Protein backbone atom coordinates (compact mmCIF):
# COMPACT_ATOMS: atom_id res chain seq x y z
CA MET A 1 13.32 -15.27 6.04
CA ILE A 2 15.55 -15.59 9.12
CA ALA A 3 17.86 -12.94 7.67
CA VAL A 4 14.90 -10.61 7.09
CA LEU A 5 13.69 -11.06 10.67
CA ASN A 6 17.20 -10.54 12.04
CA ASN A 7 17.58 -7.25 10.17
CA SER A 8 14.04 -5.93 10.53
CA TRP A 9 12.43 -7.36 13.68
CA ALA A 10 12.45 -4.04 15.55
CA LEU A 11 10.89 -2.23 12.61
CA LEU A 12 8.25 -4.95 12.17
CA LEU A 13 7.48 -4.94 15.90
CA GLY A 14 7.04 -1.19 15.85
CA MET A 15 4.78 -1.37 12.79
CA PHE A 16 2.73 -4.09 14.45
CA LEU A 17 2.03 -1.85 17.45
CA LEU A 18 1.39 1.11 15.17
CA MET A 19 -1.17 -0.85 13.14
CA ILE A 20 -2.95 -1.93 16.31
CA GLY A 21 -3.42 1.74 17.10
CA ASN A 22 -4.55 2.59 13.59
CA GLY A 23 -6.87 -0.40 13.28
CA LEU A 24 -8.46 0.23 16.66
CA GLN A 25 -8.91 3.91 15.81
CA GLY A 26 -11.07 3.15 12.80
CA SER A 27 -13.42 0.76 14.59
CA LEU A 28 -13.53 2.75 17.81
CA LEU A 29 -14.61 5.95 16.09
CA GLY A 30 -17.47 4.15 14.36
CA ILE A 31 -18.80 2.89 17.69
CA ARG A 32 -18.08 6.03 19.69
CA GLY A 33 -19.61 8.20 17.00
CA ALA A 34 -22.96 6.45 17.43
CA ILE A 35 -22.69 6.89 21.19
CA GLU A 36 -22.14 10.61 20.66
CA GLY A 37 -25.20 10.76 18.40
CA PHE A 38 -23.38 11.24 15.08
CA ASP A 39 -25.33 9.74 12.20
CA PRO A 40 -23.61 7.69 9.42
CA ALA A 41 -23.70 10.61 6.99
CA LEU A 42 -21.69 12.82 9.36
CA LEU A 43 -19.29 10.04 10.31
CA SER A 44 -18.61 9.36 6.65
CA TYR A 45 -16.97 12.79 6.29
CA VAL A 46 -14.78 12.05 9.30
CA ILE A 47 -13.74 8.72 7.77
CA SER A 48 -12.99 10.35 4.40
CA ALA A 49 -10.81 12.99 6.05
CA TYR A 50 -8.25 10.28 6.86
CA PHE A 51 -7.89 9.38 3.19
CA ILE A 52 -7.65 13.03 2.16
CA GLY A 53 -4.79 13.44 4.59
CA PHE A 54 -3.18 10.18 3.51
CA LEU A 55 -3.33 11.07 -0.18
CA GLY A 56 -1.91 14.53 0.49
CA GLY A 57 0.79 13.05 2.69
CA SER A 58 1.93 10.65 -0.01
CA ARG A 59 2.78 13.70 -2.14
CA LEU A 60 3.99 16.18 0.50
CA ALA A 61 5.67 13.94 3.08
CA PRO A 62 8.72 13.18 0.87
CA VAL A 63 9.36 16.93 0.63
CA LEU A 64 9.18 17.23 4.43
CA ILE A 65 11.50 14.25 4.89
CA ARG A 66 14.11 15.72 2.54
CA LYS A 67 14.05 19.00 4.47
CA VAL A 68 14.21 17.78 8.09
CA GLY A 69 15.26 14.14 7.82
CA HIS A 70 13.69 10.76 8.47
CA VAL A 71 14.09 10.64 12.23
CA ARG A 72 12.65 14.10 12.93
CA THR A 73 9.74 13.51 10.56
CA PHE A 74 9.06 10.10 12.08
CA ALA A 75 9.10 11.41 15.65
CA ALA A 76 7.04 14.51 14.85
CA MET A 77 4.33 12.62 12.96
CA GLY A 78 4.21 9.97 15.67
CA SER A 79 3.66 12.64 18.31
CA LEU A 80 0.79 14.11 16.29
CA ILE A 81 -0.85 10.70 15.92
CA SER A 82 -0.55 9.95 19.63
CA ALA A 83 -1.98 13.34 20.58
CA ALA A 84 -4.85 13.05 18.11
CA PHE A 85 -5.91 9.67 19.50
CA VAL A 86 -6.34 11.14 22.97
CA LEU A 87 -8.11 14.25 21.69
CA TYR A 88 -10.82 12.16 20.00
CA ALA A 89 -12.26 11.37 23.42
CA ALA A 90 -11.52 14.80 24.91
CA VAL A 91 -13.21 16.73 22.08
CA PRO A 92 -16.22 14.69 20.82
CA ASP A 93 -17.12 17.21 18.11
CA ILE A 94 -17.68 16.17 14.50
CA ILE A 95 -15.62 19.03 13.03
CA ALA A 96 -12.79 18.45 15.48
CA TRP A 97 -12.83 14.74 14.63
CA GLY A 98 -12.61 15.56 10.94
CA VAL A 99 -9.57 17.79 11.49
CA LEU A 100 -7.93 15.16 13.71
CA ARG A 101 -8.56 12.42 11.16
CA LEU A 102 -7.02 14.61 8.46
CA ILE A 103 -3.92 15.08 10.62
CA VAL A 104 -3.76 11.37 11.43
CA GLY A 105 -4.04 10.41 7.75
CA PHE A 106 -1.25 12.79 6.75
CA SER A 107 0.93 11.64 9.63
CA PHE A 108 0.46 7.95 8.92
CA SER A 109 1.38 8.53 5.29
CA ALA A 110 4.68 10.11 6.39
CA VAL A 111 5.30 7.36 8.96
CA TYR A 112 4.77 4.67 6.33
CA ILE A 113 7.20 6.34 3.94
CA VAL A 114 9.93 6.51 6.59
CA ALA A 115 9.32 2.99 7.94
CA GLU A 116 9.18 1.47 4.47
CA SER A 117 12.38 3.29 3.51
CA TRP A 118 14.13 1.68 6.45
CA LEU A 119 12.66 -1.69 5.52
CA ASN A 120 13.95 -1.29 1.98
CA ASP A 121 17.38 -0.29 3.25
CA ALA A 122 17.53 -3.31 5.59
CA SER A 123 16.93 -5.80 2.76
CA ASP A 124 18.76 -6.70 -0.44
CA ASN A 125 17.72 -8.05 -3.83
CA GLN A 126 17.42 -11.57 -2.47
CA THR A 127 15.34 -10.71 0.60
CA ARG A 128 13.31 -7.71 -0.57
CA GLY A 129 10.28 -9.77 -1.61
CA LYS A 130 10.19 -11.65 1.70
CA ALA A 131 10.56 -8.38 3.61
CA LEU A 132 7.58 -6.91 1.78
CA SER A 133 5.50 -10.02 2.49
CA LEU A 134 6.37 -9.90 6.19
CA TYR A 135 5.56 -6.21 6.30
CA MET A 136 2.08 -6.78 4.88
CA VAL A 137 1.44 -9.74 7.19
CA VAL A 138 2.46 -7.62 10.17
CA GLN A 139 0.14 -4.82 9.05
CA MET A 140 -2.81 -7.19 8.72
CA LEU A 141 -2.09 -8.94 12.03
CA GLY A 142 -1.90 -5.57 13.77
CA ILE A 143 -5.31 -4.53 12.43
CA VAL A 144 -6.83 -7.92 13.34
CA SER A 145 -5.36 -7.74 16.86
CA ALA A 146 -6.82 -4.25 17.24
CA GLN A 147 -10.33 -5.62 16.84
CA ALA A 148 -9.83 -7.94 19.81
CA MET A 149 -8.76 -4.95 21.90
CA LEU A 150 -12.14 -3.33 21.31
CA ASN A 151 -13.35 -5.65 24.07
CA PHE A 152 -10.74 -4.43 26.58
CA GLY A 153 -12.60 -1.27 27.55
CA ASP A 154 -15.74 0.80 27.26
CA PRO A 155 -15.97 2.72 23.94
CA ALA A 156 -17.92 5.41 25.78
CA GLY A 157 -14.97 6.16 28.07
CA TYR A 158 -11.36 7.32 27.72
CA GLY A 159 -9.54 4.04 28.31
CA LEU A 160 -9.40 2.71 24.75
CA PHE A 161 -8.33 6.08 23.36
CA VAL A 162 -5.53 6.28 25.91
CA LEU A 163 -4.55 2.69 25.03
CA ILE A 164 -4.10 3.39 21.33
CA SER A 165 -2.20 6.59 22.12
CA VAL A 166 0.19 4.65 24.36
CA LEU A 167 0.62 1.88 21.77
CA VAL A 168 1.55 4.40 19.11
CA SER A 169 4.02 6.12 21.45
CA ILE A 170 5.65 2.80 22.36
CA SER A 171 5.78 1.65 18.73
CA PHE A 172 8.37 4.26 17.83
CA MET A 173 10.85 3.19 20.51
CA PRO A 174 12.16 -0.02 18.88
CA ILE A 175 12.20 1.61 15.47
CA LEU A 176 14.07 4.77 16.44
CA LEU A 177 16.56 2.97 18.69
CA THR A 178 17.60 0.39 16.11
CA ALA A 179 16.88 1.72 12.62
CA SER A 180 19.86 2.60 10.49
CA PRO A 181 19.92 5.82 8.46
CA ALA A 182 17.44 5.52 5.61
CA PRO A 183 18.25 6.40 2.03
CA ILE A 184 16.98 9.59 0.48
CA VAL A 185 13.34 9.28 -0.47
CA GLN A 186 12.92 9.54 -4.21
CA GLN A 187 9.43 10.58 -5.24
CA THR A 188 8.33 8.64 -8.31
CA ALA A 189 6.76 10.78 -11.00
CA ARG A 190 3.25 9.67 -11.91
CA MET A 191 2.42 8.66 -15.43
CA THR A 192 -0.05 11.07 -17.00
CA LEU A 193 -3.60 9.95 -16.32
CA GLY A 194 -4.36 9.80 -20.04
CA ARG A 195 -1.42 7.52 -20.75
CA LEU A 196 -2.23 5.38 -17.72
CA PHE A 197 -5.81 4.93 -18.90
CA ARG A 198 -4.69 4.04 -22.40
CA ALA A 199 -2.21 1.48 -21.07
CA SER A 200 -4.89 -0.29 -19.01
CA PRO A 201 -8.44 1.05 -18.86
CA LEU A 202 -9.45 -1.83 -16.58
CA GLY A 203 -6.55 -1.19 -14.20
CA PHE A 204 -7.34 2.54 -14.12
CA VAL A 205 -11.08 2.22 -13.48
CA GLY A 206 -10.68 -0.84 -11.28
CA SER A 207 -8.18 0.92 -8.98
CA ILE A 208 -10.66 3.73 -8.35
CA LEU A 209 -13.44 1.28 -7.47
CA VAL A 210 -11.21 -0.93 -5.33
CA GLY A 211 -10.01 2.14 -3.42
CA ALA A 212 -13.61 3.23 -2.93
CA VAL A 213 -14.49 -0.17 -1.46
CA TYR A 214 -11.35 -0.50 0.68
CA SER A 215 -11.96 2.80 2.45
CA VAL A 216 -15.52 1.72 3.19
CA MET A 217 -14.26 -1.56 4.65
CA PHE A 218 -11.53 0.13 6.67
CA GLY A 219 -13.57 3.05 7.97
CA MET A 220 -17.27 2.26 7.77
CA ALA A 221 -17.47 -1.41 8.77
CA ALA A 222 -17.83 -0.51 12.46
CA VAL A 223 -20.43 2.11 11.53
CA TYR A 224 -22.38 -0.60 9.71
CA GLY A 225 -22.12 -2.90 12.73
CA THR A 226 -23.35 -0.18 15.05
CA GLU A 227 -26.28 0.70 12.79
CA ARG A 228 -27.07 -2.98 12.43
CA GLY A 229 -27.29 -3.29 16.23
CA LEU A 230 -24.30 -5.61 16.71
CA SER A 231 -22.56 -5.74 20.08
CA VAL A 232 -18.99 -4.52 20.50
CA GLY A 233 -17.75 -8.11 20.46
CA GLU A 234 -19.68 -8.88 17.28
CA ILE A 235 -18.40 -5.72 15.59
CA SER A 236 -14.81 -6.61 16.45
CA ALA A 237 -15.26 -10.13 15.04
CA PHE A 238 -16.93 -8.75 11.90
CA VAL A 239 -14.11 -6.29 11.16
CA ALA A 240 -11.42 -8.85 12.04
CA ALA A 241 -12.95 -11.34 9.57
CA ILE A 242 -12.51 -8.81 6.76
CA TYR A 243 -8.77 -8.55 7.35
CA ILE A 244 -8.24 -12.24 8.03
CA GLY A 245 -9.80 -12.96 4.64
CA GLY A 246 -7.59 -10.35 3.02
CA LEU A 247 -4.51 -11.86 4.65
CA LEU A 248 -5.19 -15.51 3.85
CA LEU A 249 -6.45 -15.24 0.27
CA GLN A 250 -3.92 -12.75 -1.12
CA TRP A 251 -1.34 -15.33 -2.17
CA PRO A 252 -3.65 -18.08 -3.53
CA VAL A 253 -5.30 -15.52 -5.79
CA GLY A 254 -1.87 -14.30 -6.87
CA TRP A 255 -0.75 -17.86 -7.68
CA ILE A 256 -3.82 -18.34 -9.88
CA SER A 257 -3.30 -14.96 -11.58
CA ASP A 258 0.10 -16.02 -12.94
CA ARG A 259 -1.58 -18.96 -14.71
CA MET A 260 -4.62 -17.46 -16.47
CA ASP A 261 -5.95 -14.35 -18.16
CA ARG A 262 -5.93 -11.79 -15.37
CA ARG A 263 -9.02 -10.08 -16.72
CA LYS A 264 -11.00 -13.29 -16.25
CA LEU A 265 -9.71 -13.62 -12.70
CA ILE A 266 -10.56 -9.97 -11.96
CA ILE A 267 -14.09 -10.56 -13.27
CA ILE A 268 -14.46 -13.75 -11.20
CA VAL A 269 -13.08 -12.29 -7.96
CA ALA A 270 -15.14 -9.11 -8.26
CA GLY A 271 -18.21 -11.17 -9.14
CA LEU A 272 -17.74 -13.42 -6.10
CA CYS A 273 -17.39 -10.33 -3.94
CA ALA A 274 -20.65 -8.95 -5.34
CA ILE A 275 -22.40 -12.27 -4.61
CA ALA A 276 -21.00 -12.30 -1.08
CA SER A 277 -22.25 -8.74 -0.56
CA GLY A 278 -25.72 -9.79 -1.68
CA ALA A 279 -25.56 -12.64 0.82
CA GLY A 280 -24.66 -10.08 3.48
CA ILE A 281 -27.92 -8.28 2.78
CA ALA A 282 -29.96 -11.49 2.70
CA PHE A 283 -28.51 -13.07 5.85
CA SER A 284 -27.70 -10.01 7.95
CA ALA A 285 -29.78 -11.34 10.84
CA SER A 286 -27.15 -14.00 11.55
CA PRO A 287 -23.84 -12.80 13.05
CA LEU A 288 -22.15 -16.03 11.90
CA ALA A 289 -23.28 -15.40 8.32
CA LEU A 290 -21.95 -11.85 8.56
CA TYR A 291 -18.54 -13.15 9.65
CA ILE A 292 -18.38 -15.52 6.67
CA VAL A 293 -19.46 -12.78 4.31
CA ALA A 294 -16.89 -10.38 5.79
CA PHE A 295 -14.15 -12.99 5.32
CA ALA A 296 -15.15 -13.43 1.67
CA ILE A 297 -15.33 -9.70 0.96
CA GLY A 298 -11.94 -9.02 2.51
CA GLY A 299 -10.46 -12.01 0.69
CA CYS A 300 -11.67 -10.61 -2.63
CA VAL A 301 -11.02 -6.87 -2.28
CA ASN A 302 -7.41 -7.02 -1.05
CA PRO A 303 -6.10 -9.23 -3.91
CA LEU A 304 -8.04 -7.16 -6.46
CA TYR A 305 -5.79 -4.17 -5.78
CA ALA A 306 -2.66 -6.17 -6.60
CA LEU A 307 -4.40 -7.73 -9.61
CA MET A 308 -5.10 -4.28 -11.07
CA ILE A 309 -1.42 -3.35 -10.75
CA ALA A 310 -0.22 -6.67 -12.20
CA HIS A 311 -2.68 -6.43 -15.09
CA THR A 312 -1.53 -2.89 -15.88
CA ASN A 313 2.12 -3.93 -15.73
CA ASP A 314 1.45 -6.59 -18.37
CA PHE A 315 1.10 -3.79 -20.94
CA LEU A 316 4.09 -1.70 -19.91
CA ASP A 317 7.85 -1.66 -20.24
CA GLN A 318 9.58 -2.38 -16.95
CA LYS A 319 10.89 1.18 -16.75
CA ASP A 320 7.31 2.51 -16.70
CA MET A 321 5.99 0.18 -13.99
CA PRO A 322 6.87 2.35 -10.94
CA SER A 323 5.28 5.47 -12.39
CA ALA A 324 2.18 3.52 -13.43
CA ALA A 325 1.87 1.99 -9.96
CA ALA A 326 2.15 5.45 -8.42
CA GLY A 327 -0.62 6.64 -10.72
CA LEU A 328 -2.85 3.69 -9.81
CA MET A 329 -2.18 4.35 -6.13
CA PHE A 330 -3.25 7.96 -6.63
CA MET A 331 -6.47 6.88 -8.39
CA GLY A 332 -7.17 4.43 -5.59
CA GLY A 333 -6.71 7.29 -3.15
CA VAL A 334 -9.24 9.38 -5.07
CA GLY A 335 -11.72 6.53 -4.82
CA SER A 336 -10.96 6.13 -1.12
CA ILE A 337 -11.98 9.73 -0.43
CA GLY A 338 -15.36 9.47 -2.10
CA GLY A 339 -16.31 5.96 -0.96
CA PRO A 340 -17.17 6.62 2.71
CA VAL A 341 -19.15 9.76 1.87
CA MET A 342 -21.30 7.94 -0.67
CA VAL A 343 -21.97 4.93 1.54
CA GLY A 344 -22.61 7.15 4.57
CA GLN A 345 -25.26 9.09 2.70
CA ALA A 346 -26.79 5.85 1.41
CA MET A 347 -26.90 4.32 4.90
CA GLN A 348 -28.52 7.46 6.25
CA SER A 349 -31.24 7.33 3.58
CA LEU A 350 -31.74 3.59 3.06
CA GLY A 351 -30.49 1.88 6.19
CA SER A 352 -27.50 -0.19 7.23
CA TRP A 353 -27.93 -2.67 4.36
CA ALA A 354 -26.68 0.04 1.97
CA TRP A 355 -23.14 -0.76 3.20
CA PHE A 356 -23.30 -4.15 1.50
CA PHE A 357 -25.21 -2.80 -1.49
CA TYR A 358 -22.51 -0.22 -2.15
CA ILE A 359 -19.81 -2.91 -2.21
CA LEU A 360 -22.01 -5.06 -4.44
CA ALA A 361 -22.48 -2.19 -6.89
CA CYS A 362 -18.75 -1.37 -7.08
CA MET A 363 -17.73 -5.00 -7.54
CA ALA A 364 -20.44 -5.60 -10.14
CA ALA A 365 -19.19 -2.54 -12.01
CA ILE A 366 -15.66 -3.99 -12.08
CA SER A 367 -16.94 -7.32 -13.41
CA LEU A 368 -19.08 -5.70 -16.08
CA TYR A 369 -16.31 -3.36 -17.18
CA GLY A 370 -13.90 -6.28 -17.28
CA LEU A 371 -16.28 -8.17 -19.57
CA PHE A 372 -16.46 -5.13 -21.82
CA ARG A 373 -12.66 -4.80 -21.92
CA MET A 374 -12.36 -8.42 -23.02
CA THR A 375 -14.16 -7.45 -26.23
CA ARG A 376 -11.70 -4.60 -26.89
CA ARG A 377 -8.30 -6.23 -26.50
CA ALA A 378 -6.89 -9.68 -27.18
CA ALA A 379 -5.92 -11.77 -24.19
CA LEU A 380 -2.30 -12.31 -23.20
CA GLY A 381 -1.22 -15.84 -22.43
CA PRO A 382 0.27 -16.67 -19.01
CA ALA A 383 3.72 -16.89 -20.61
CA GLU A 384 3.38 -13.30 -21.87
CA THR A 385 2.54 -11.70 -18.54
CA GLY A 386 4.65 -10.51 -15.64
CA LYS A 387 4.69 -11.86 -12.12
CA PHE A 388 2.00 -11.03 -9.56
CA THR A 389 3.32 -9.33 -6.43
CA ALA A 390 1.09 -9.24 -3.37
CA ILE A 391 0.35 -5.68 -2.23
CA THR A 392 -2.57 -4.17 -0.33
CA PRO A 393 -4.17 -0.71 -0.37
CA SER A 394 -2.98 -0.14 3.20
CA VAL A 395 0.72 0.26 2.34
CA GLY A 396 2.55 3.47 1.54
CA PRO A 397 4.28 4.57 -1.68
CA VAL A 398 7.71 3.15 -0.79
CA ALA A 399 6.23 -0.33 -0.30
CA MET A 400 4.66 0.12 -3.71
CA GLU A 401 8.14 0.86 -5.08
CA ILE A 402 9.47 -2.29 -3.41
CA ALA A 403 6.66 -4.32 -4.96
CA GLN A 404 7.61 -3.05 -8.42
CA GLU A 405 11.27 -3.90 -7.81
CA VAL A 406 10.24 -7.43 -6.84
CA ALA A 407 8.05 -7.72 -9.94
CA GLN A 408 10.89 -6.56 -12.18
CA ALA A 409 13.33 -8.94 -10.50
CA ASN A 410 10.99 -11.84 -11.37
CA PRO A 411 9.69 -10.84 -14.78
CA GLY A 412 7.55 -12.83 -17.13
CA THR A 413 8.11 -12.66 -20.86
CA GLY A 414 5.69 -9.79 -21.23
CA PRO A 415 5.32 -8.01 -24.56
CA GLY A 416 6.12 -4.50 -23.40
CA PRO A 417 3.81 -1.61 -24.26
CA VAL A 418 0.60 -2.59 -25.99
CA SER A 419 -1.63 -0.10 -27.76
CA ASP A 420 -5.21 0.21 -26.66
CA THR A 421 -6.08 -0.49 -30.27
CA ALA A 422 -4.59 -3.99 -30.11
CA PRO A 423 -6.63 -6.53 -32.08
CA SER A 424 -9.78 -7.61 -30.35
CA LYS A 425 -10.99 -11.15 -30.11
CA PRO A 426 -13.29 -12.37 -32.88
């Protein structure tokens, strides 16, 4: 771990500052949008624009990097992000916000690819897993810290927007001054969607639903808090609890997943998340109850993403794991685009409680589909499965590649490809 910090501290520091800016952006727009008179349905399109840009960037950014290089791409995308953050306050128009969010999503996707490439280059086979873990911890801590900064200024003014712009600008300094040349970005080909579904129907469908929920947590939690009538301090605590839960429960869930049928664990975790969401509806009058519920939801949704990937890998040859993970990431991105729009429309029609109901419905769907899949395919024993590798929906495609390398470096005794017509349980 010391070696990882020695080689990557500047990169991790820069990513920490960058994630503060990104995390504060999401919450700040939800609060400022209400101040500007934008209803949840309109704001949902703004939130979704980020994920459209991010998904497009994951496919197009590697092409840009190969043409102009890592450093130029990194600096250019960082400048766009910094400028967009200031323009949010200068141009409080819903269409302008949508365009800016699209640009920010694309730019962050490119920034992640470059930063993660440098992180990969700074680590070796012995330290790559620790580097990935530190990277995810830094991301989560940055987003949590951002929520505290919501209380440093007035969301109705310019100060907070200027703050996140400055943080993003500063974040690139330690990275650009110390990062070594990154390797050429290799874009992993996706497995065909048909083959991916046949390999793991639960992983395929589950990734879409987890992506749909994650985008709602990341982008619409502050909108929920505003509609619910929470103060700025309460909203910041509510959003922070989501990410603290996601940070603390990722590894315990992963430890359990290597010791039992992953489908059962997916069903249990998704079911607990659905129950917690129902509690959020029932006890929404209590801010303390909302914080506990938020912690539980975040602690369930983040590990579910990695569980879907690990479960899919259990039915694949090692050589197919990177392409399958890229396909699952794409399907999660598709879900991320639609999630905010659906919950925004529901909140507009039904009220703020629809935020929790949407999460409940998605998680219940995962549990029910998991139960159905258990009748269609025999269970694999713990000794037959691969190793769980912690990964969250917030990382870029290169971190996903690193996660697959770590998984392949610590394999189980998995069976290789398994047909979807494998014998079912009696």
